[in-house]
């Protein structure tokens, strides 16, 4: 389910706010979602976001549910639409799920947070970061094949991103300076890939 998946992502990234109780929270909507729901002729501030960013990473249980406002991650992972009774949640597999997990602002932000967490906790030691990444996202150490694949991925990404930097193109930055810019951006991409592994997304 999208709710459990979102909570697992926040927990792994180290951004989850575990506070319990209180009123429901309105979190920021992606611009295209807001524009789809609310027209230009309507008054502004129809979706007043909670002013404290720490509330935006509460467990999914505490996010406000509104019939005509559905968060993309929840919608694509079969959250009931609240317009009809639902005896059991449906189960589907389709391309929009993968696209949401790869391209949404939420996933990019949490990948940056996870990469920052790894760099901070492991002092920039990339071997320790790999071990920690797998522990946080897969609850186990990487196999030798996975370690080699991850190292190859990082090496290739650093080269690609380094070329982008030389051309003056913007790249993803960490909230830490423990890694060089090309390495930092490559780690964000690796964290995003880890969040998309079947072992993370599906209950086995």
C-alpha atoms as a PDB file:
ATOM      1  CA  UNK A   1       0.000   0.000   0.000  1.00  0.00           C
ATOM      2  CA  UNK A   2       1.089   3.559  -0.697  1.00  0.00           C
ATOM      3  CA  UNK A   3       0.757   4.547   2.971  1.00  0.00           C
ATOM      4  CA  UNK A   4       3.054   1.769   4.206  1.00  0.00           C
ATOM      5  CA  UNK A   5       5.499   2.432   1.381  1.00  0.00           C
ATOM      6  CA  UNK A   6       5.663   6.150   2.172  1.00  0.00           C
ATOM      7  CA  UNK A   7       6.256   5.434   5.869  1.00  0.00           C
ATOM      8  CA  UNK A   8       9.028   2.938   5.043  1.00  0.00           C
ATOM      9  CA  UNK A   9      10.732   5.485   2.792  1.00  0.00           C
ATOM     10  CA  UNK A  10      10.601   8.168   5.485  1.00  0.00           C
ATOM     11  CA  UNK A  11      11.912   5.727   8.099  1.00  0.00           C
ATOM     12  CA  UNK A  12      14.848   4.649   5.909  1.00  0.00           C
ATOM     13  CA  UNK A  13      15.703   8.236   5.004  1.00  0.00           C
ATOM     14  CA  UNK A  14      15.699   9.216   8.670  1.00  0.00           C
ATOM     15  CA  UNK A  15      13.076  11.914   8.155  1.00  0.00           C
ATOM     16  CA  UNK A  16      10.014  10.236   9.708  1.00  0.00           C
ATOM     17  CA  UNK A  17       8.368  12.219  12.496  1.00  0.00           C
ATOM     18  CA  UNK A  18       7.126   9.537  14.942  1.00  0.00           C
ATOM     19  CA  UNK A  19       4.827  11.878  16.898  1.00  0.00           C
ATOM     20  CA  UNK A  20       1.470  10.335  17.708  1.00  0.00           C
ATOM     21  CA  UNK A  21      -2.004  11.838  17.899  1.00  0.00           C
ATOM     22  CA  UNK A  22      -3.345  15.259  17.014  1.00  0.00           C
ATOM     23  CA  UNK A  23      -5.347  16.622  14.089  1.00  0.00           C
ATOM     24  CA  UNK A  24      -4.872  15.558  10.474  1.00  0.00           C
ATOM     25  CA  UNK A  25      -2.078  17.241   8.510  1.00  0.00           C
ATOM     26  CA  UNK A  26      -2.232  18.913   5.115  1.00  0.00           C
ATOM     27  CA  UNK A  27       1.062  18.357   3.290  1.00  0.00           C
ATOM     28  CA  UNK A  28       2.300  20.273   0.226  1.00  0.00           C
ATOM     29  CA  UNK A  29       0.821  19.166  -3.088  1.00  0.00           C
ATOM     30  CA  UNK A  30       2.889  18.941  -6.231  1.00  0.00           C
ATOM     31  CA  UNK A  31       2.037  21.923  -8.500  1.00  0.00           C
ATOM     32  CA  UNK A  32       0.474  19.778 -11.220  1.00  0.00           C
ATOM     33  CA  UNK A  33      -1.791  18.108  -8.656  1.00  0.00           C
ATOM     34  CA  UNK A  34      -2.879  21.462  -7.203  1.00  0.00           C
ATOM     35  CA  UNK A  35      -3.564  22.874 -10.684  1.00  0.00           C
ATOM     36  CA  UNK A  36      -5.666  19.838 -11.572  1.00  0.00           C
ATOM     37  CA  UNK A  37      -7.825  20.083  -8.454  1.00  0.00           C
ATOM     38  CA  UNK A  38      -8.217  23.829  -8.032  1.00  0.00           C
ATOM     39  CA  UNK A  39      -9.038  26.120 -10.948  1.00  0.00           C
ATOM     40  CA  UNK A  40      -7.736  29.651 -11.460  1.00  0.00           C
ATOM     41  CA  UNK A  41     -11.163  31.108 -10.722  1.00  0.00           C
ATOM     42  CA  UNK A  42     -11.259  29.704  -7.210  1.00  0.00           C
ATOM     43  CA  UNK A  43      -9.936  31.636  -4.210  1.00  0.00           C
ATOM     44  CA  UNK A  44      -6.376  30.902  -3.208  1.00  0.00           C
ATOM     45  CA  UNK A  45      -5.323  28.900  -0.165  1.00  0.00           C
ATOM     46  CA  UNK A  46      -7.953  26.182  -0.580  1.00  0.00           C
ATOM     47  CA  UNK A  47      -5.344  23.717   0.670  1.00  0.00           C
ATOM     48  CA  UNK A  48      -3.656  25.440   3.650  1.00  0.00           C
ATOM     49  CA  UNK A  49      -0.450  23.474   4.238  1.00  0.00           C
ATOM     50  CA  UNK A  50       0.675  22.960   7.821  1.00  0.00           C
ATOM     51  CA  UNK A  51       3.299  25.661   8.548  1.00  0.00           C
ATOM     52  CA  UNK A  52       5.706  23.275  10.335  1.00  0.00           C
ATOM     53  CA  UNK A  53       7.714  21.186   7.791  1.00  0.00           C
ATOM     54  CA  UNK A  54       8.330  18.539  10.471  1.00  0.00           C
ATOM     55  CA  UNK A  55       4.612  17.803  10.372  1.00  0.00           C
ATOM     56  CA  UNK A  56       4.813  17.019   6.652  1.00  0.00           C
ATOM     57  CA  UNK A  57       6.748  13.812   7.409  1.00  0.00           C
ATOM     58  CA  UNK A  58       4.318  12.389   9.930  1.00  0.00           C
ATOM     59  CA  UNK A  59       3.121   8.837   9.394  1.00  0.00           C
ATOM     60  CA  UNK A  60       0.644   8.513   6.528  1.00  0.00           C
ATOM     61  CA  UNK A  61      -2.086   7.707   9.055  1.00  0.00           C
ATOM     62  CA  UNK A  62      -2.108  11.391  10.069  1.00  0.00           C
ATOM     63  CA  UNK A  63      -2.349  12.944   6.592  1.00  0.00           C
ATOM     64  CA  UNK A  64      -5.661  14.598   5.789  1.00  0.00           C
ATOM     65  CA  UNK A  65      -7.839  12.598   3.418  1.00  0.00           C
ATOM     66  CA  UNK A  66     -10.183  14.621   1.240  1.00  0.00           C
ATOM     67  CA  UNK A  67     -12.460  13.121  -1.378  1.00  0.00           C
ATOM     68  CA  UNK A  68     -11.190  15.241  -4.267  1.00  0.00           C
ATOM     69  CA  UNK A  69      -7.550  15.565  -3.114  1.00  0.00           C
ATOM     70  CA  UNK A  70      -5.473  12.406  -3.402  1.00  0.00           C
ATOM     71  CA  UNK A  71      -1.697  12.294  -3.096  1.00  0.00           C
ATOM     72  CA  UNK A  72      -0.173  10.693  -6.226  1.00  0.00           C
ATOM     73  CA  UNK A  73       1.656   7.945  -4.300  1.00  0.00           C
ATOM     74  CA  UNK A  74      -1.538   6.890  -2.558  1.00  0.00           C
ATOM     75  CA  UNK A  75      -3.669   7.132  -5.687  1.00  0.00           C
ATOM     76  CA  UNK A  76      -1.385   4.978  -7.853  1.00  0.00           C
ATOM     77  CA  UNK A  77      -1.084   2.358  -5.114  1.00  0.00           C
ATOM     78  CA  UNK A  78      -4.828   1.765  -4.952  1.00  0.00           C
ATOM     79  CA  UNK A  79      -5.988   3.997  -2.106  1.00  0.00           C
ATOM     80  CA  UNK A  80      -9.820   3.907  -2.082  1.00  0.00           C
ATOM     81  CA  UNK A  81     -11.321   7.047  -3.619  1.00  0.00           C
ATOM     82  CA  UNK A  82     -13.818   7.724  -0.762  1.00  0.00           C
ATOM     83  CA  UNK A  83     -16.674   8.127  -3.242  1.00  0.00           C
ATOM     84  CA  UNK A  84     -17.980   4.588  -2.838  1.00  0.00           C
ATOM     85  CA  UNK A  85     -17.772   1.878  -0.220  1.00  0.00           C
ATOM     86  CA  UNK A  86     -14.687  -0.336  -0.348  1.00  0.00           C
ATOM     87  CA  UNK A  87     -14.903  -3.788   1.195  1.00  0.00           C
ATOM     88  CA  UNK A  88     -11.311  -4.613   0.243  1.00  0.00           C
ATOM     89  CA  UNK A  89      -8.553  -2.553  -1.299  1.00  0.00           C
ATOM     90  CA  UNK A  90      -7.732  -3.429  -4.894  1.00  0.00           C
ATOM     91  CA  UNK A  91      -4.280  -4.534  -5.995  1.00  0.00           C
ATOM     92  CA  UNK A  92      -2.816  -3.350  -9.275  1.00  0.00           C
ATOM     93  CA  UNK A  93       0.534  -3.183 -11.037  1.00  0.00           C
ATOM     94  CA  UNK A  94       0.987  -0.496 -13.693  1.00  0.00           C
ATOM     95  CA  UNK A  95       3.503   1.924 -15.144  1.00  0.00           C
ATOM     96  CA  UNK A  96       2.400   4.958 -13.131  1.00  0.00           C
ATOM     97  CA  UNK A  97       3.576   3.250  -9.939  1.00  0.00           C
ATOM     98  CA  UNK A  98       7.123   2.954 -11.264  1.00  0.00           C
ATOM     99  CA  UNK A  99       7.036   6.487 -12.678  1.00  0.00           C
ATOM    100  CA  UNK A 100       5.899   7.893  -9.322  1.00  0.00           C
ATOM    101  CA  UNK A 101       8.626   6.028  -7.431  1.00  0.00           C
ATOM    102  CA  UNK A 102      11.284   7.236  -9.868  1.00  0.00           C
ATOM    103  CA  UNK A 103      10.269  10.787 -10.708  1.00  0.00           C
ATOM    104  CA  UNK A 104       8.196  12.393  -7.954  1.00  0.00           C
ATOM    105  CA  UNK A 105       9.447  15.306  -5.881  1.00  0.00           C
ATOM    106  CA  UNK A 106       8.819  13.269  -2.736  1.00  0.00           C
ATOM    107  CA  UNK A 107      11.087  10.439  -3.885  1.00  0.00           C
ATOM    108  CA  UNK A 108      13.846  12.827  -4.932  1.00  0.00           C
ATOM    109  CA  UNK A 109      13.705  14.684  -1.605  1.00  0.00           C
ATOM    110  CA  UNK A 110      13.838  11.453   0.402  1.00  0.00           C
ATOM    111  CA  UNK A 111      16.704  10.107  -1.720  1.00  0.00           C
ATOM    112  CA  UNK A 112      18.658  13.274  -0.923  1.00  0.00           C
ATOM    113  CA  UNK A 113      17.839  12.840   2.763  1.00  0.00           C
ATOM    114  CA  UNK A 114      18.952   9.197   2.741  1.00  0.00           C
ATOM    115  CA  UNK A 115      22.216   9.995   0.933  1.00  0.00           C
ATOM    116  CA  UNK A 116      22.869  12.787   3.442  1.00  0.00           C
ATOM    117  CA  UNK A 117      22.160  10.398   6.309  1.00  0.00           C
ATOM    118  CA  UNK A 118      24.582   7.810   4.899  1.00  0.00           C
ATOM    119  CA  UNK A 119      27.359  10.341   4.337  1.00  0.00           C
ATOM    120  CA  UNK A 120      26.921  11.797   7.827  1.00  0.00           C
ATOM    121  CA  UNK A 121      26.692   8.502   9.716  1.00  0.00           C
ATOM    122  CA  UNK A 122      29.567   6.885   7.799  1.00  0.00           C
ATOM    123  CA  UNK A 123      31.792   9.990   7.566  1.00  0.00           C
ATOM    124  CA  UNK A 124      31.916   9.726   3.777  1.00  0.00           C
ATOM    125  CA  UNK A 125      33.365   6.175   3.809  1.00  0.00           C
ATOM    126  CA  UNK A 126      31.665   4.734   0.721  1.00  0.00           C
ATOM    127  CA  UNK A 127      32.102   1.065   1.654  1.00  0.00           C
ATOM    128  CA  UNK A 128      30.438   1.674   4.995  1.00  0.00           C
ATOM    129  CA  UNK A 129      27.768   3.730   3.206  1.00  0.00           C
ATOM    130  CA  UNK A 130      26.953   0.785   0.956  1.00  0.00           C
ATOM    131  CA  UNK A 131      26.574  -1.530   3.935  1.00  0.00           C
ATOM    132  CA  UNK A 132      24.392   1.007   5.707  1.00  0.00           C
ATOM    133  CA  UNK A 133      22.266   1.639   2.601  1.00  0.00           C
ATOM    134  CA  UNK A 134      21.378  -2.039   2.313  1.00  0.00           C
ATOM    135  CA  UNK A 135      20.749  -2.351   6.031  1.00  0.00           C
ATOM    136  CA  UNK A 136      18.335   0.602   6.006  1.00  0.00           C
ATOM    137  CA  UNK A 137      16.468  -0.323   2.813  1.00  0.00           C
ATOM    138  CA  UNK A 138      16.768  -4.116   2.564  1.00  0.00           C
ATOM    139  CA  UNK A 139      17.437  -4.974   6.256  1.00  0.00           C
ATOM    140  CA  UNK A 140      20.496  -7.029   5.291  1.00  0.00           C
ATOM    141  CA  UNK A 141      24.059  -6.558   4.018  1.00  0.00           C
ATOM    142  CA  UNK A 142      24.660  -6.502   0.251  1.00  0.00           C
ATOM    143  CA  UNK A 143      25.751  -9.655  -1.509  1.00  0.00           C
ATOM    144  CA  UNK A 144      29.106  -9.533  -3.300  1.00  0.00           C
ATOM    145  CA  UNK A 145      27.299  -9.287  -6.640  1.00  0.00           C
ATOM    146  CA  UNK A 146      25.179  -6.404  -5.357  1.00  0.00           C
ATOM    147  CA  UNK A 147      28.240  -4.641  -3.971  1.00  0.00           C
ATOM    148  CA  UNK A 148      30.043  -4.899  -7.313  1.00  0.00           C
ATOM    149  CA  UNK A 149      26.948  -3.680  -9.174  1.00  0.00           C
ATOM    150  CA  UNK A 150      26.533  -0.721  -6.805  1.00  0.00           C
ATOM    151  CA  UNK A 151      30.213   0.205  -7.079  1.00  0.00           C
ATOM    152  CA  UNK A 152      30.006   0.051 -10.877  1.00  0.00           C
ATOM    153  CA  UNK A 153      26.843   2.179 -10.826  1.00  0.00           C
ATOM    154  CA  UNK A 154      28.511   4.803  -8.626  1.00  0.00           C
ATOM    155  CA  UNK A 155      31.626   4.879 -10.803  1.00  0.00           C
ATOM    156  CA  UNK A 156      29.615   5.359 -13.990  1.00  0.00           C
ATOM    157  CA  UNK A 157      27.314   7.967 -12.444  1.00  0.00           C
ATOM    158  CA  UNK A 158      30.230   9.972 -11.047  1.00  0.00           C
ATOM    159  CA  UNK A 159      31.718  10.116 -14.539  1.00  0.00           C
ATOM    160  CA  UNK A 160      28.436  11.201 -16.138  1.00  0.00           C
ATOM    161  CA  UNK A 161      27.687  13.777 -13.442  1.00  0.00           C
ATOM    162  CA  UNK A 162      31.267  15.062 -13.493  1.00  0.00           C
ATOM    163  CA  UNK A 163      30.828  15.836 -17.191  1.00  0.00           C
ATOM    164  CA  UNK A 164      27.601  17.687 -16.419  1.00  0.00           C
ATOM    165  CA  UNK A 165      29.407  19.753 -13.811  1.00  0.00           C
ATOM    166  CA  UNK A 166      32.131  20.641 -16.299  1.00  0.00           C
ATOM    167  CA  UNK A 167      29.425  21.921 -18.648  1.00  0.00           C
ATOM    168  CA  UNK A 168      28.018  24.066 -15.855  1.00  0.00           C
ATOM    169  CA  UNK A 169      24.787  22.094 -15.555  1.00  0.00           C
ATOM    170  CA  UNK A 170      22.978  21.918 -12.189  1.00  0.00           C
ATOM    171  CA  UNK A 171      23.216  18.627 -10.274  1.00  0.00           C
ATOM    172  CA  UNK A 172      21.633  17.348  -7.083  1.00  0.00           C
ATOM    173  CA  UNK A 173      23.338  18.538  -3.898  1.00  0.00           C
ATOM    174  CA  UNK A 174      23.443  17.005  -0.439  1.00  0.00           C
ATOM    175  CA  UNK A 175      22.820  18.764   2.851  1.00  0.00           C
ATOM    176  CA  UNK A 176      26.403  17.829   3.711  1.00  0.00           C
ATOM    177  CA  UNK A 177      29.838  18.513   2.224  1.00  0.00           C
ATOM    178  CA  UNK A 178      31.323  15.138   3.183  1.00  0.00           C
ATOM    179  CA  UNK A 179      31.305  13.999  -0.460  1.00  0.00           C
ATOM    180  CA  UNK A 180      32.482  15.767  -3.638  1.00  0.00           C
ATOM    181  CA  UNK A 181      29.585  17.091  -5.747  1.00  0.00           C
ATOM    182  CA  UNK A 182      29.704  14.345  -8.401  1.00  0.00           C
ATOM    183  CA  UNK A 183      29.862  11.600  -5.770  1.00  0.00           C
ATOM    184  CA  UNK A 184      27.040  13.191  -3.767  1.00  0.00           C
ATOM    185  CA  UNK A 185      24.715  13.304  -6.790  1.00  0.00           C
ATOM    186  CA  UNK A 186      25.628   9.717  -7.704  1.00  0.00           C
ATOM    187  CA  UNK A 187      24.722   8.563  -4.198  1.00  0.00           C
ATOM    188  CA  UNK A 188      21.329  10.263  -4.449  1.00  0.00           C
ATOM    189  CA  UNK A 189      20.692   8.263  -7.626  1.00  0.00           C
ATOM    190  CA  UNK A 190      21.786   5.034  -5.905  1.00  0.00           C
ATOM    191  CA  UNK A 191      19.470   5.727  -2.965  1.00  0.00           C
ATOM    192  CA  UNK A 192      16.597   6.302  -5.375  1.00  0.00           C
ATOM    193  CA  UNK A 193      17.406   2.976  -7.043  1.00  0.00           C
ATOM    194  CA  UNK A 194      17.426   1.232  -3.645  1.00  0.00           C
ATOM    195  CA  UNK A 195      13.957   2.611  -2.882  1.00  0.00           C
ATOM    196  CA  UNK A 196      12.758   1.080  -6.158  1.00  0.00           C
ATOM    197  CA  UNK A 197      14.051  -2.438  -5.587  1.00  0.00           C
ATOM    198  CA  UNK A 198      11.345  -5.098  -5.417  1.00  0.00           C
ATOM    199  CA  UNK A 199      12.691  -6.195  -2.055  1.00  0.00           C
ATOM    200  CA  UNK A 200      11.914  -2.737  -0.664  1.00  0.00           C
ATOM    201  CA  UNK A 201       8.583  -2.113  -2.399  1.00  0.00           C
ATOM    202  CA  UNK A 202       6.924  -5.502  -1.962  1.00  0.00           C
ATOM    203  CA  UNK A 203       6.265  -7.659   1.090  1.00  0.00           C
ATOM    204  CA  UNK A 204       7.827 -11.051   0.416  1.00  0.00           C
END
